[in-house]
C-alpha atoms as a PDB file:
ATOM      1  CA  MET A   1      -3.262 -45.973 108.518  1.00  0.00           C
ATOM      2  CA  ILE A   2      -6.964 -45.269 108.102  1.00  0.00           C
ATOM      3  CA  ILE A   3      -6.573 -44.908 104.322  1.00  0.00           C
ATOM      4  CA  ALA A   4      -4.586 -48.149 104.111  1.00  0.00           C
ATOM      5  CA  ALA A   5      -7.179 -49.947 106.244  1.00  0.00           C
ATOM      6  CA  GLY A   6      -9.984 -48.699 104.007  1.00  0.00           C
ATOM      7  CA  GLU A   7      -8.190 -49.891 100.880  1.00  0.00           C
ATOM      8  CA  GLY A   8      -7.413 -53.258 102.431  1.00  0.00           C
ATOM      9  CA  TYR A   9      -3.642 -52.901 102.215  1.00  0.00           C
ATOM     10  CA  ALA A  10      -2.754 -55.399 104.929  1.00  0.00           C
ATOM     11  CA  ALA A  11       0.997 -55.204 104.240  1.00  0.00           C
ATOM     12  CA  VAL A  12       0.995 -51.399 104.637  1.00  0.00           C
ATOM     13  CA  VAL A  13      -1.038 -51.651 107.832  1.00  0.00           C
ATOM     14  CA  GLU A  14       1.413 -54.200 109.222  1.00  0.00           C
ATOM     15  CA  ILE A  15       4.363 -51.932 108.414  1.00  0.00           C
ATOM     16  CA  LEU A  16       2.667 -49.007 110.152  1.00  0.00           C
ATOM     17  CA  ILE A  17       1.891 -51.146 113.192  1.00  0.00           C
ATOM     18  CA  ASN A  18       5.523 -52.251 113.403  1.00  0.00           C
ATOM     19  CA  ALA A  19       6.502 -48.590 113.140  1.00  0.00           C
ATOM     20  CA  LYS A  20       4.467 -47.900 116.302  1.00  0.00           C
ATOM     21  CA  ALA A  21       1.672 -46.025 114.503  1.00  0.00           C
ATOM     22  CA  ASN A  22      -1.344 -45.219 116.681  1.00  0.00           C
ATOM     23  CA  VAL A  23      -4.121 -47.727 115.903  1.00  0.00           C
ATOM     24  CA  HIS A  24      -6.599 -45.704 117.981  1.00  0.00           C
ATOM     25  CA  SER A  25      -6.248 -42.470 116.002  1.00  0.00           C
ATOM     26  CA  PRO A  26      -9.662 -41.372 114.578  1.00  0.00           C
ATOM     27  CA  ASN A  27     -10.552 -39.464 111.406  1.00  0.00           C
ATOM     28  CA  ASN A  28     -12.832 -36.419 111.213  1.00  0.00           C
ATOM     29  CA  ALA A  29     -15.914 -38.609 111.709  1.00  0.00           C
ATOM     30  CA  GLY A  30     -14.395 -40.151 114.824  1.00  0.00           C
ATOM     31  CA  ARG A  31     -13.848 -43.516 113.115  1.00  0.00           C
ATOM     32  CA  THR A  32     -10.713 -45.497 113.764  1.00  0.00           C
ATOM     33  CA  ALA A  33      -8.876 -47.727 111.300  1.00  0.00           C
ATOM     34  CA  LEU A  34     -10.814 -50.664 112.756  1.00  0.00           C
ATOM     35  CA  HIS A  35     -14.139 -48.985 111.947  1.00  0.00           C
ATOM     36  CA  VAL A  36     -13.071 -48.376 108.361  1.00  0.00           C
ATOM     37  CA  ALA A  37     -11.623 -51.869 107.805  1.00  0.00           C
ATOM     38  CA  ALA A  38     -14.741 -53.486 109.300  1.00  0.00           C
ATOM     39  CA  SER A  39     -17.095 -51.393 107.158  1.00  0.00           C
ATOM     40  CA  TYR A  40     -15.275 -52.428 103.969  1.00  0.00           C
ATOM     41  CA  GLY A  41     -15.005 -56.081 104.995  1.00  0.00           C
ATOM     42  CA  HIS A  42     -11.190 -56.352 105.067  1.00  0.00           C
ATOM     43  CA  LEU A  43     -10.812 -59.328 107.391  1.00  0.00           C
ATOM     44  CA  GLU A  44      -7.019 -59.518 107.315  1.00  0.00           C
ATOM     45  CA  VAL A  45      -6.683 -55.856 108.226  1.00  0.00           C
ATOM     46  CA  VAL A  46      -9.243 -56.231 111.033  1.00  0.00           C
ATOM     47  CA  ALA A  47      -7.292 -59.176 112.454  1.00  0.00           C
ATOM     48  CA  LEU A  48      -4.019 -57.203 112.333  1.00  0.00           C
ATOM     49  CA  LEU A  49      -5.543 -54.194 114.073  1.00  0.00           C
ATOM     50  CA  LEU A  50      -7.134 -56.279 116.809  1.00  0.00           C
ATOM     51  CA  GLU A  51      -3.880 -58.124 117.372  1.00  0.00           C
ATOM     52  CA  ALA A  52      -2.141 -54.733 117.678  1.00  0.00           C
ATOM     53  CA  GLY A  53      -4.545 -53.724 120.453  1.00  0.00           C
ATOM     54  CA  ALA A  54      -7.262 -51.825 118.617  1.00  0.00           C
ATOM     55  CA  ARG A  55     -10.355 -51.403 120.776  1.00  0.00           C
ATOM     56  CA  ALA A  56     -13.240 -53.538 119.504  1.00  0.00           C
ATOM     57  CA  ASN A  57     -15.779 -51.281 121.265  1.00  0.00           C
ATOM     58  CA  ALA A  58     -14.344 -47.928 120.130  1.00  0.00           C
ATOM     59  CA  ARG A  59     -17.026 -45.327 119.327  1.00  0.00           C
ATOM     60  CA  ASP A  60     -17.096 -42.861 116.477  1.00  0.00           C
ATOM     61  CA  ALA A  61     -18.772 -39.426 116.426  1.00  0.00           C
ATOM     62  CA  LEU A  62     -22.207 -41.109 116.214  1.00  0.00           C
ATOM     63  CA  GLY A  63     -21.439 -43.512 119.044  1.00  0.00           C
ATOM     64  CA  GLU A  64     -21.178 -46.486 116.704  1.00  0.00           C
ATOM     65  CA  THR A  65     -18.760 -49.349 117.306  1.00  0.00           C
ATOM     66  CA  PRO A  66     -17.117 -51.448 114.569  1.00  0.00           C
ATOM     67  CA  LEU A  67     -19.964 -53.953 115.014  1.00  0.00           C
ATOM     68  CA  HIS A  68     -22.449 -51.311 113.855  1.00  0.00           C
ATOM     69  CA  VAL A  69     -20.696 -51.054 110.493  1.00  0.00           C
ATOM     70  CA  ALA A  70     -19.436 -54.640 110.075  1.00  0.00           C
ATOM     71  CA  ALA A  71     -19.783 -55.625 106.413  1.00  0.00           C
ATOM     72  CA  ASN A  72     -20.035 -59.422 106.663  1.00  0.00           C
ATOM     73  CA  PRO A  73     -20.363 -62.273 109.190  1.00  0.00           C
ATOM     74  CA  THR A  74     -16.627 -63.052 109.240  1.00  0.00           C
ATOM     75  CA  ILE A  75     -15.911 -59.517 110.433  1.00  0.00           C
ATOM     76  CA  VAL A  76     -18.599 -59.915 113.108  1.00  0.00           C
ATOM     77  CA  ASP A  77     -17.070 -63.178 114.310  1.00  0.00           C
ATOM     78  CA  GLU A  78     -13.597 -61.630 114.435  1.00  0.00           C
ATOM     79  CA  LEU A  79     -14.857 -58.667 116.463  1.00  0.00           C
ATOM     80  CA  LEU A  80     -16.782 -60.910 118.838  1.00  0.00           C
ATOM     81  CA  LYS A  81     -13.618 -62.938 119.462  1.00  0.00           C
ATOM     82  CA  ALA A  82     -12.075 -59.655 120.623  1.00  0.00           C
ATOM     83  CA  ARG A  83     -14.990 -59.226 123.084  1.00  0.00           C
ATOM     84  CA  ALA A  84     -17.005 -56.705 121.117  1.00  0.00           C
ATOM     85  CA  ASN A  85     -20.263 -55.901 122.893  1.00  0.00           C
ATOM     86  CA  LEU A  86     -23.490 -56.521 120.958  1.00  0.00           C
ATOM     87  CA  ALA A  87     -25.579 -54.612 123.502  1.00  0.00           C
ATOM     88  CA  ILE A  88     -23.888 -51.220 122.965  1.00  0.00           C
ATOM     89  CA  ARG A  89     -26.215 -48.593 121.482  1.00  0.00           C
ATOM     90  CA  ASN A  90     -25.110 -45.626 119.426  1.00  0.00           C
ATOM     91  CA  TYR A  91     -26.067 -42.112 120.454  1.00  0.00           C
ATOM     92  CA  GLY A  92     -29.374 -42.561 118.640  1.00  0.00           C
ATOM     93  CA  GLY A  93     -30.244 -45.621 120.757  1.00  0.00           C
ATOM     94  CA  ARG A  94     -29.558 -48.203 118.031  1.00  0.00           C
ATOM     95  CA  THR A  95     -27.804 -51.536 118.604  1.00  0.00           C
ATOM     96  CA  ALA A  96     -25.519 -53.224 116.086  1.00  0.00           C
ATOM     97  CA  LEU A  97     -28.256 -55.771 115.353  1.00  0.00           C
ATOM     98  CA  PHE A  98     -30.783 -53.085 114.472  1.00  0.00           C
ATOM     99  CA  ALA A  99     -28.214 -51.294 112.321  1.00  0.00           C
ATOM    100  CA  ALA A 100     -27.772 -54.514 110.311  1.00  0.00           C
ATOM    101  CA  VAL A 101     -31.564 -54.920 110.100  1.00  0.00           C
ATOM    102  CA  GLU A 102     -31.897 -51.380 108.768  1.00  0.00           C
ATOM    103  CA  ARG A 103     -29.225 -52.134 106.127  1.00  0.00           C
ATOM    104  CA  ASP A 104     -31.188 -55.285 105.215  1.00  0.00           C
ATOM    105  CA  ASP A 105     -28.053 -57.397 105.727  1.00  0.00           C
ATOM    106  CA  ALA A 106     -29.507 -60.841 106.500  1.00  0.00           C
ATOM    107  CA  ASN A 107     -26.113 -62.585 106.811  1.00  0.00           C
ATOM    108  CA  VAL A 108     -24.816 -60.159 109.439  1.00  0.00           C
ATOM    109  CA  VAL A 109     -28.146 -60.351 111.291  1.00  0.00           C
ATOM    110  CA  ARG A 110     -27.975 -64.146 111.345  1.00  0.00           C
ATOM    111  CA  SER A 111     -24.404 -64.059 112.644  1.00  0.00           C
ATOM    112  CA  MET A 112     -25.364 -61.672 115.470  1.00  0.00           C
ATOM    113  CA  VAL A 113     -28.464 -63.714 116.348  1.00  0.00           C
ATOM    114  CA  HIS A 114     -26.397 -66.893 116.650  1.00  0.00           C
ATOM    115  CA  ALA A 115     -23.888 -64.952 118.768  1.00  0.00           C
ATOM    116  CA  GLY A 116     -26.634 -64.165 121.281  1.00  0.00           C
ATOM    117  CA  ALA A 117     -27.847 -60.688 120.319  1.00  0.00           C
ATOM    118  CA  ASP A 118     -31.069 -59.692 122.094  1.00  0.00           C
ATOM    119  CA  VAL A 119     -33.725 -59.613 119.364  1.00  0.00           C
ATOM    120  CA  ASN A 120     -36.427 -58.358 121.748  1.00  0.00           C
ATOM    121  CA  LEU A 121     -34.784 -54.976 122.448  1.00  0.00           C
ATOM    122  CA  LEU A 122     -36.678 -51.957 121.162  1.00  0.00           C
ATOM    123  CA  ASP A 123     -34.903 -49.417 118.985  1.00  0.00           C
ATOM    124  CA  ARG A 124     -35.072 -46.019 120.658  1.00  0.00           C
ATOM    125  CA  TYR A 125     -35.317 -44.141 117.370  1.00  0.00           C
ATOM    126  CA  TRP A 126     -38.103 -46.156 115.719  1.00  0.00           C
ATOM    127  CA  GLU A 127     -39.515 -47.381 119.058  1.00  0.00           C
ATOM    128  CA  THR A 128     -40.032 -50.866 117.687  1.00  0.00           C
ATOM    129  CA  SER A 129     -38.312 -54.247 117.643  1.00  0.00           C
ATOM    130  CA  ALA A 130     -36.080 -55.618 114.907  1.00  0.00           C
ATOM    131  CA  LEU A 131     -38.663 -58.226 113.858  1.00  0.00           C
ATOM    132  CA  ARG A 132     -41.522 -55.740 113.584  1.00  0.00           C
ATOM    133  CA  TYR A 133     -39.371 -53.290 111.633  1.00  0.00           C
ATOM    134  CA  SER A 134     -38.121 -55.933 109.174  1.00  0.00           C
ATOM    135  CA  ALA A 135     -41.679 -57.280 108.758  1.00  0.00           C
ATOM    136  CA  TYR A 136     -42.887 -53.762 107.973  1.00  0.00           C
ATOM    137  CA  LYS A 137     -40.146 -53.374 105.343  1.00  0.00           C
ATOM    138  CA  GLY A 138     -40.875 -56.806 103.875  1.00  0.00           C
ATOM    139  CA  SER A 139     -37.277 -58.000 104.383  1.00  0.00           C
ATOM    140  CA  VAL A 140     -37.728 -61.750 103.932  1.00  0.00           C
ATOM    141  CA  GLY A 141     -34.110 -62.717 104.586  1.00  0.00           C
ATOM    142  CA  VAL A 142     -33.832 -60.594 107.723  1.00  0.00           C
ATOM    143  CA  VAL A 143     -37.116 -61.940 109.120  1.00  0.00           C
ATOM    144  CA  ALA A 144     -35.936 -65.521 108.517  1.00  0.00           C
ATOM    145  CA  ALA A 145     -32.647 -64.755 110.287  1.00  0.00           C
ATOM    146  CA  LEU A 146     -34.393 -63.180 113.294  1.00  0.00           C
ATOM    147  CA  LEU A 147     -36.771 -66.136 113.622  1.00  0.00           C
ATOM    148  CA  GLU A 148     -33.762 -68.405 114.201  1.00  0.00           C
ATOM    149  CA  SER A 149     -33.320 -66.812 117.626  1.00  0.00           C
ATOM    150  CA  GLU A 150     -34.194 -69.047 120.577  1.00  0.00           C
ATOM    151  CA  THR A 151     -35.096 -66.048 122.744  1.00  0.00           C
ATOM    152  CA  LEU A 152     -37.575 -64.431 120.363  1.00  0.00           C
ATOM    153  CA  GLY A 153     -40.829 -63.874 122.215  1.00  0.00           C
ATOM    154  CA  GLY A 154     -44.126 -65.252 120.952  1.00  0.00           C
ATOM    155  CA  THR A 155     -45.740 -61.840 121.437  1.00  0.00           C
ATOM    156  CA  GLU A 156     -43.190 -60.347 119.037  1.00  0.00           C
ATOM    157  CA  ILE A 157     -44.261 -62.812 116.334  1.00  0.00           C
ATOM    158  CA  GLN A 158     -47.916 -61.956 116.928  1.00  0.00           C
ATOM    159  CA  SER A 159     -47.175 -58.218 116.710  1.00  0.00           C
ATOM    160  CA  ALA A 160     -45.256 -58.691 113.452  1.00  0.00           C
ATOM    161  CA  LEU A 161     -48.177 -60.725 112.075  1.00  0.00           C
ATOM    162  CA  VAL A 162     -50.570 -57.891 112.882  1.00  0.00           C
ATOM    163  CA  ILE A 163     -48.356 -55.520 110.876  1.00  0.00           C
ATOM    164  CA  VAL A 164     -48.107 -57.876 107.898  1.00  0.00           C
ATOM    165  CA  LEU A 165     -51.821 -58.709 107.838  1.00  0.00           C
ATOM    166  CA  ASN A 166     -52.750 -55.023 107.748  1.00  0.00           C
ATOM    167  CA  PRO A 167     -52.014 -53.636 104.257  1.00  0.00           C
ATOM    168  CA  MET A 168     -52.107 -50.099 105.680  1.00  0.00           C
ATOM    169  CA  LEU A 169     -49.173 -50.816 108.011  1.00  0.00           C
ATOM    170  CA  ALA A 170     -46.877 -52.997 105.892  1.00  0.00           C
ATOM    171  CA  GLN A 171     -45.142 -52.314 102.617  1.00  0.00           C
ATOM    172  CA  THR A 172     -46.154 -54.595  99.759  1.00  0.00           C
ATOM    173  CA  ARG A 173     -42.662 -55.850  98.882  1.00  0.00           C
ATOM    174  CA  GLY A 174     -42.162 -59.325 100.281  1.00  0.00           C
ATOM    175  CA  ARG A 175     -45.207 -59.091 102.554  1.00  0.00           C
ATOM    176  CA  ARG A 176     -46.692 -62.424 101.473  1.00  0.00           C
ATOM    177  CA  GLU A 177     -43.401 -64.297 102.027  1.00  0.00           C
ATOM    178  CA  VAL A 178     -42.902 -62.628 105.401  1.00  0.00           C
ATOM    179  CA  ARG A 179     -46.434 -63.602 106.400  1.00  0.00           C
ATOM    180  CA  LYS A 180     -45.737 -67.262 105.593  1.00  0.00           C
ATOM    181  CA  LEU A 181     -42.524 -67.204 107.646  1.00  0.00           C
ATOM    182  CA  LEU A 182     -44.257 -65.649 110.646  1.00  0.00           C
ATOM    183  CA  GLU A 183     -47.211 -68.048 110.502  1.00  0.00           C
ATOM    184  CA  GLN A 184     -44.859 -71.032 110.330  1.00  0.00           C
ATOM    185  CA  ALA A 185     -42.842 -69.723 113.272  1.00  0.00           C
ATOM    186  CA  SER A 186     -46.054 -69.148 115.223  1.00  0.00           C
ATOM    187  CA  ASN A 187     -47.196 -72.720 114.521  1.00  0.00           C
ATOM    188  CA  ASP A 188     -43.790 -74.090 115.548  1.00  0.00           C
ATOM    189  CA  ARG A 189     -43.956 -72.269 118.873  1.00  0.00           C
ATOM    190  CA  TRP A 190     -47.531 -73.514 119.299  1.00  0.00           C
ATOM    191  CA  GLU A 191     -46.329 -77.123 118.877  1.00  0.00           C
ATOM    192  CA  LYS A 192     -43.458 -76.455 121.268  1.00  0.00           C
ATOM    193  CA  LEU A 193     -45.900 -75.062 123.826  1.00  0.00           C
ATOM    194  CA  GLU A 194     -48.129 -78.128 123.462  1.00  0.00           C
ATOM    195  CA  MET A 195     -45.097 -80.392 123.954  1.00  0.00           C
ATOM    196  CA  ILE A 196     -44.060 -78.459 127.075  1.00  0.00           C
ATOM    197  CA  ASP A 197     -47.587 -78.709 128.438  1.00  0.00           C
ATOM    198  CA  SER A 198     -47.729 -82.442 127.651  1.00  0.00           C
ATOM    199  CA  ASN A 199     -44.422 -83.044 129.430  1.00  0.00           C
ATOM    200  CA  PHE A 200     -45.686 -81.033 132.389  1.00  0.00           C
ATOM    201  CA  LYS A 201     -48.801 -83.211 132.563  1.00  0.00           C
ATOM    202  CA  LEU A 202     -46.705 -86.399 132.479  1.00  0.00           C
ATOM    203  CA  ARG A 203     -44.469 -85.117 135.271  1.00  0.00           C
ATOM    204  CA  CYS A 204     -47.524 -84.193 137.331  1.00  0.00           C
ATOM    205  CA  GLN A 205     -49.024 -87.646 136.782  1.00  0.00           C
ATOM    206  CA  GLU A 206     -45.789 -89.367 137.821  1.00  0.00           C
ATOM    207  CA  ARG A 207     -45.564 -87.164 140.897  1.00  0.00           C
ATOM    208  CA  ASP A 208     -49.193 -87.868 141.822  1.00  0.00           C
ATOM    209  CA  MET A 209     -48.678 -91.608 141.353  1.00  0.00           C
ATOM    210  CA  LYS A 210     -45.669 -91.571 143.665  1.00  0.00           C
ATOM    211  CA  ARG A 211     -47.566 -89.580 146.260  1.00  0.00           C
ATOM    212  CA  PHE A 212     -50.572 -91.895 145.997  1.00  0.00           C
ATOM    213  CA  PHE A 213     -48.353 -94.962 146.428  1.00  0.00           C
ATOM    214  CA  ARG A 214     -46.711 -93.502 149.535  1.00  0.00           C
ATOM    215  CA  LEU A 215     -50.107 -92.511 150.927  1.00  0.00           C
ATOM    216  CA  LYS A 216     -51.522 -95.961 150.198  1.00  0.00           C
ATOM    217  CA  LEU A 217     -48.580 -97.635 151.930  1.00  0.00           C
ATOM    218  CA  PHE A 218     -48.987 -95.362 154.952  1.00  0.00           C
ATOM    219  CA  VAL A 219     -52.726 -96.056 155.143  1.00  0.00           C
ATOM    220  CA  CYS A 220     -52.146 -99.813 154.929  1.00  0.00           C
ATOM    221  CA  LEU A 221     -49.652 -99.661 157.783  1.00  0.00           C
ATOM    222  CA  VAL A 222     -52.017 -97.592 159.927  1.00  0.00           C
ATOM    223  CA  VAL A 223     -54.964 -99.884 159.174  1.00  0.00           C
ATOM    224  CA  GLY A 224     -52.857-102.945 159.976  1.00  0.00           C
ATOM    225  CA  ILE A 225     -51.814-101.503 163.306  1.00  0.00           C
ATOM    226  CA  VAL A 226     -55.405-100.513 164.119  1.00  0.00           C
ATOM    227  CA  LEU A 227     -56.719-103.980 163.201  1.00  0.00           C
ATOM    228  CA  ILE A 228     -54.140-105.656 165.414  1.00  0.00           C
ATOM    229  CA  ALA A 229     -55.100-103.363 168.279  1.00  0.00           C
ATOM    230  CA  ILE A 230     -58.849-104.033 167.701  1.00  0.00           C
ATOM    231  CA  ILE A 231     -58.351-107.807 167.619  1.00  0.00           C
ATOM    232  CA  TYR A 232     -56.337-107.635 170.808  1.00  0.00           C
ATOM    233  CA  ASP A 233     -59.031-105.529 172.512  1.00  0.00           C
ATOM    234  CA  VAL A 234     -61.837-107.841 171.279  1.00  0.00           C
ATOM    235  CA  VAL A 235     -60.100-110.955 172.548  1.00  0.00           C
ATOM    236  CA  THR A 236     -59.413-109.294 175.888  1.00  0.00           C
ATOM    237  CA  TYR A 237     -63.002-108.027 176.132  1.00  0.00           C
ATOM    238  CA  VAL A 238     -64.510-111.446 175.360  1.00  0.00           C
ATOM    239  CA  MET A 239     -62.354-113.093 177.967  1.00  0.00           C
ATOM    240  CA  ARG A 240     -63.526-110.588 180.602  1.00  0.00           C
ATOM    241  CA  ARG A 241     -67.236-109.906 179.807  1.00  0.00           C
ATOM    242  CA  GLY A 242     -68.697-112.941 178.099  1.00  0.00           C
ATOM    243  CA  PRO A 243     -70.253-113.599 174.664  1.00  0.00           C
ATOM    244  CA  ARG A 244     -73.680-111.903 175.184  1.00  0.00           C
ATOM    245  CA  VAL A 245     -72.322-108.490 176.053  1.00  0.00           C
ATOM    246  CA  VAL A 246     -69.857-108.819 173.186  1.00  0.00           C
ATOM    247  CA  ALA A 247     -72.698-109.476 170.671  1.00  0.00           C
ATOM    248  CA  LEU A 248     -74.533-106.269 171.751  1.00  0.00           C
ATOM    249  CA  SER A 249     -71.348-104.256 171.479  1.00  0.00           C
ATOM    250  CA  MET A 250     -70.676-105.651 167.985  1.00  0.00           C
ATOM    251  CA  ALA A 251     -74.187-104.659 166.834  1.00  0.00           C
ATOM    252  CA  MET A 252     -73.655-101.082 167.983  1.00  0.00           C
ATOM    253  CA  GLY A 253     -70.268-101.048 166.267  1.00  0.00           C
ATOM    254  CA  ILE A 254     -71.758-102.265 162.962  1.00  0.00           C
ATOM    255  CA  LYS A 255     -74.409 -99.543 163.101  1.00  0.00           C
ATOM    256  CA  ASN A 256     -71.821 -96.803 163.685  1.00  0.00           C
ATOM    257  CA  ALA A 257     -69.638 -98.223 160.901  1.00  0.00           C
ATOM    258  CA  SER A 258     -72.527 -98.165 158.407  1.00  0.00           C
ATOM    259  CA  VAL A 259     -73.212 -94.499 159.177  1.00  0.00           C
ATOM    260  CA  PHE A 260     -69.528 -93.722 158.687  1.00  0.00           C
ATOM    261  CA  LEU A 261     -69.419 -95.589 155.335  1.00  0.00           C
ATOM    262  CA  TRP A 262     -72.504 -93.728 154.067  1.00  0.00           C
ATOM    263  CA  GLY A 263     -70.766 -90.468 154.894  1.00  0.00           C
ATOM    264  CA  LEU A 264     -67.702 -91.549 152.936  1.00  0.00           C
ATOM    265  CA  CYS A 265     -69.829 -92.460 149.905  1.00  0.00           C
ATOM    266  CA  ILE A 266     -71.582 -89.086 149.914  1.00  0.00           C
ATOM    267  CA  LYS A 267     -68.242 -87.299 150.166  1.00  0.00           C
ATOM    268  CA  ALA A 268     -66.790 -89.336 147.280  1.00  0.00           C
ATOM    269  CA  ILE A 269     -69.812 -88.535 145.072  1.00  0.00           C
ATOM    270  CA  TYR A 270     -69.420 -84.832 145.885  1.00  0.00           C
ATOM    271  CA  GLN A 271     -65.713 -84.889 144.994  1.00  0.00           C
ATOM    272  CA  MET A 272     -66.428 -86.677 141.700  1.00  0.00           C
ATOM    273  CA  LEU A 273     -69.109 -84.166 140.673  1.00  0.00           C
ATOM    274  CA  ARG A 274     -66.846 -81.273 141.653  1.00  0.00           C
ATOM    275  CA  GLN A 275     -64.004 -82.660 139.495  1.00  0.00           C
ATOM    276  CA  ILE A 276     -66.333 -83.069 136.504  1.00  0.00           C
ATOM    277  CA  VAL A 277     -67.480 -79.434 136.800  1.00  0.00           C
ATOM    278  CA  ILE A 278     -63.882 -78.168 137.097  1.00  0.00           C
ATOM    279  CA  GLN A 279     -62.741 -80.152 134.043  1.00  0.00           C
ATOM    280  CA  SER A 280     -65.676 -78.860 131.998  1.00  0.00           C
ATOM    281  CA  ILE A 281     -64.825 -75.274 132.913  1.00  0.00           C
ATOM    282  CA  GLU A 282     -61.141 -75.860 132.038  1.00  0.00           C
ATOM    283  CA  ARG A 283     -62.046 -77.256 128.621  1.00  0.00           C
ATOM    284  CA  VAL A 284     -64.147 -74.180 127.858  1.00  0.00           C
ATOM    285  CA  VAL A 285     -61.391 -71.806 129.058  1.00  0.00           C
ATOM    286  CA  ASN A 286     -58.731 -73.654 127.047  1.00  0.00           C
ATOM    287  CA  LYS A 287     -60.844 -73.542 123.898  1.00  0.00           C
ATOM    288  CA  ILE A 288     -61.310 -69.794 124.277  1.00  0.00           C
ATOM    289  CA  THR A 289     -57.725 -69.017 125.320  1.00  0.00           C
ATOM    290  CA  TRP A 290     -55.571 -71.239 123.109  1.00  0.00           C
ATOM    291  CA  GLU A 291     -56.623 -69.822 119.695  1.00  0.00           C
ATOM    292  CA  VAL A 292     -58.156 -66.706 118.250  1.00  0.00           C
ATOM    293  CA  VAL A 293     -59.740 -66.582 114.820  1.00  0.00           C
ATOM    294  CA  TRP A 294     -58.526 -63.698 112.739  1.00  0.00           C
ATOM    295  CA  GLU A 295     -60.440 -62.598 109.665  1.00  0.00           C
ATOM    296  CA  ALA A 296     -58.095 -60.556 107.444  1.00  0.00           C
ATOM    297  CA  ASP A 297     -59.962 -58.421 104.906  1.00  0.00           C
ATOM    298  CA  GLY A 298     -58.425 -58.622 101.465  1.00  0.00           C
ATOM    299  CA  ILE A 299     -55.619 -60.962 102.555  1.00  0.00           C
ATOM    300  CA  GLY A 300     -57.239 -64.385 102.496  1.00  0.00           C
ATOM    301  CA  ASP A 301     -59.787 -66.498 104.262  1.00  0.00           C
ATOM    302  CA  MET A 302     -59.686 -67.306 107.943  1.00  0.00           C
ATOM    303  CA  ASP A 303     -56.261 -67.188 109.583  1.00  0.00           C
ATOM    304  CA  TYR A 304     -55.807 -69.194 112.748  1.00  0.00           C
ATOM    305  CA  ILE A 305     -53.159 -67.591 114.911  1.00  0.00           C
ATOM    306  CA  PRO A 306     -52.311 -69.323 118.207  1.00  0.00           C
ATOM    307  CA  LEU A 307     -51.910 -67.180 121.265  1.00  0.00           C
ATOM    308  CA  PRO A 308     -48.596 -67.476 123.168  1.00  0.00           C
ATOM    309  CA  ILE A 309     -50.328 -68.718 126.316  1.00  0.00           C
ATOM    310  CA  GLY A 310     -51.612 -72.089 127.406  1.00  0.00           C
ATOM    311  CA  ILE A 311     -53.715 -73.133 130.382  1.00  0.00           C
ATOM    312  CA  SER A 312     -54.101 -76.726 131.478  1.00  0.00           C
ATOM    313  CA  GLY A 313     -55.201 -77.815 134.923  1.00  0.00           C
ATOM    314  CA  ASN A 314     -53.079 -76.007 137.483  1.00  0.00           C
ATOM    315  CA  SER A 315     -50.424 -75.083 134.932  1.00  0.00           C
ATOM    316  CA  CYS A 316     -50.055 -71.761 133.194  1.00  0.00           C
ATOM    317  CA  ILE A 317     -47.275 -71.492 130.609  1.00  0.00           C
ATOM    318  CA  LEU A 318     -46.320 -68.226 128.941  1.00  0.00           C
ATOM    319  CA  LEU A 319     -44.149 -68.257 125.811  1.00  0.00           C
ATOM    320  CA  SER A 320     -42.419 -64.996 125.519  1.00  0.00           C
END
């Protein structure tokens, strides 16, 4: 069956399945018929084997599953329909995604990325991520496929940029194209971060406006109640004591009120000055934190690379 699966003889495989042949039987390398059919890209044979009960997560002698050797995206999709696990590592600590990256198979990488493969996992053999490894190799297609991931961290893009910008760390093939892709992705995440921060500011403003309106309404109600009580007390006091005593009491009240108002003014001026100082400090911190100027020797002029962190007011947003 393994030979028929490798040659793509779907009719022979179907006959063997109907004859109760063992679809789990491995060869000397520990690979099953499903491994072999997936590695050669025989979709019809893969579908027959999976329908016959072949294990989509079967391991060979190296610990690799059929996903590790899948030859094209259609095979990957078929295996994923059978609940193949993208997170399984071989005995060398390599996932199926990293195996496709190492083969420089951009189509398979893109298919796994869209299926939800974790692009931030480190390979245990190379001790690096898929993006950094593909950037080092100068694999333009693989880098473009990895950048389509929604979960790719901003720090990963920055690390890959460091590799590409250093001619001692990156291979020359495709390095310029990879650099452009990474810079564009970095700028896109920068714009996304700014949009998130802008939306956060709008939500904070709306929340503050609602709170201020409720506070204003509460203050008006309290003041109204207090005024009614004061008017009632004044009328009662005038009726009991007479106008002369009332005039002296009003003079003392005006004096105390003026002292209180002066205190409020001083407090308001203090709060205003404090807010101006805080905003000035925030502007300086934001200017320092939001961008770093990189000067790449021998690569080009000044490269502006945004950091994956933004600070605005009481908000701190980390893109990772």
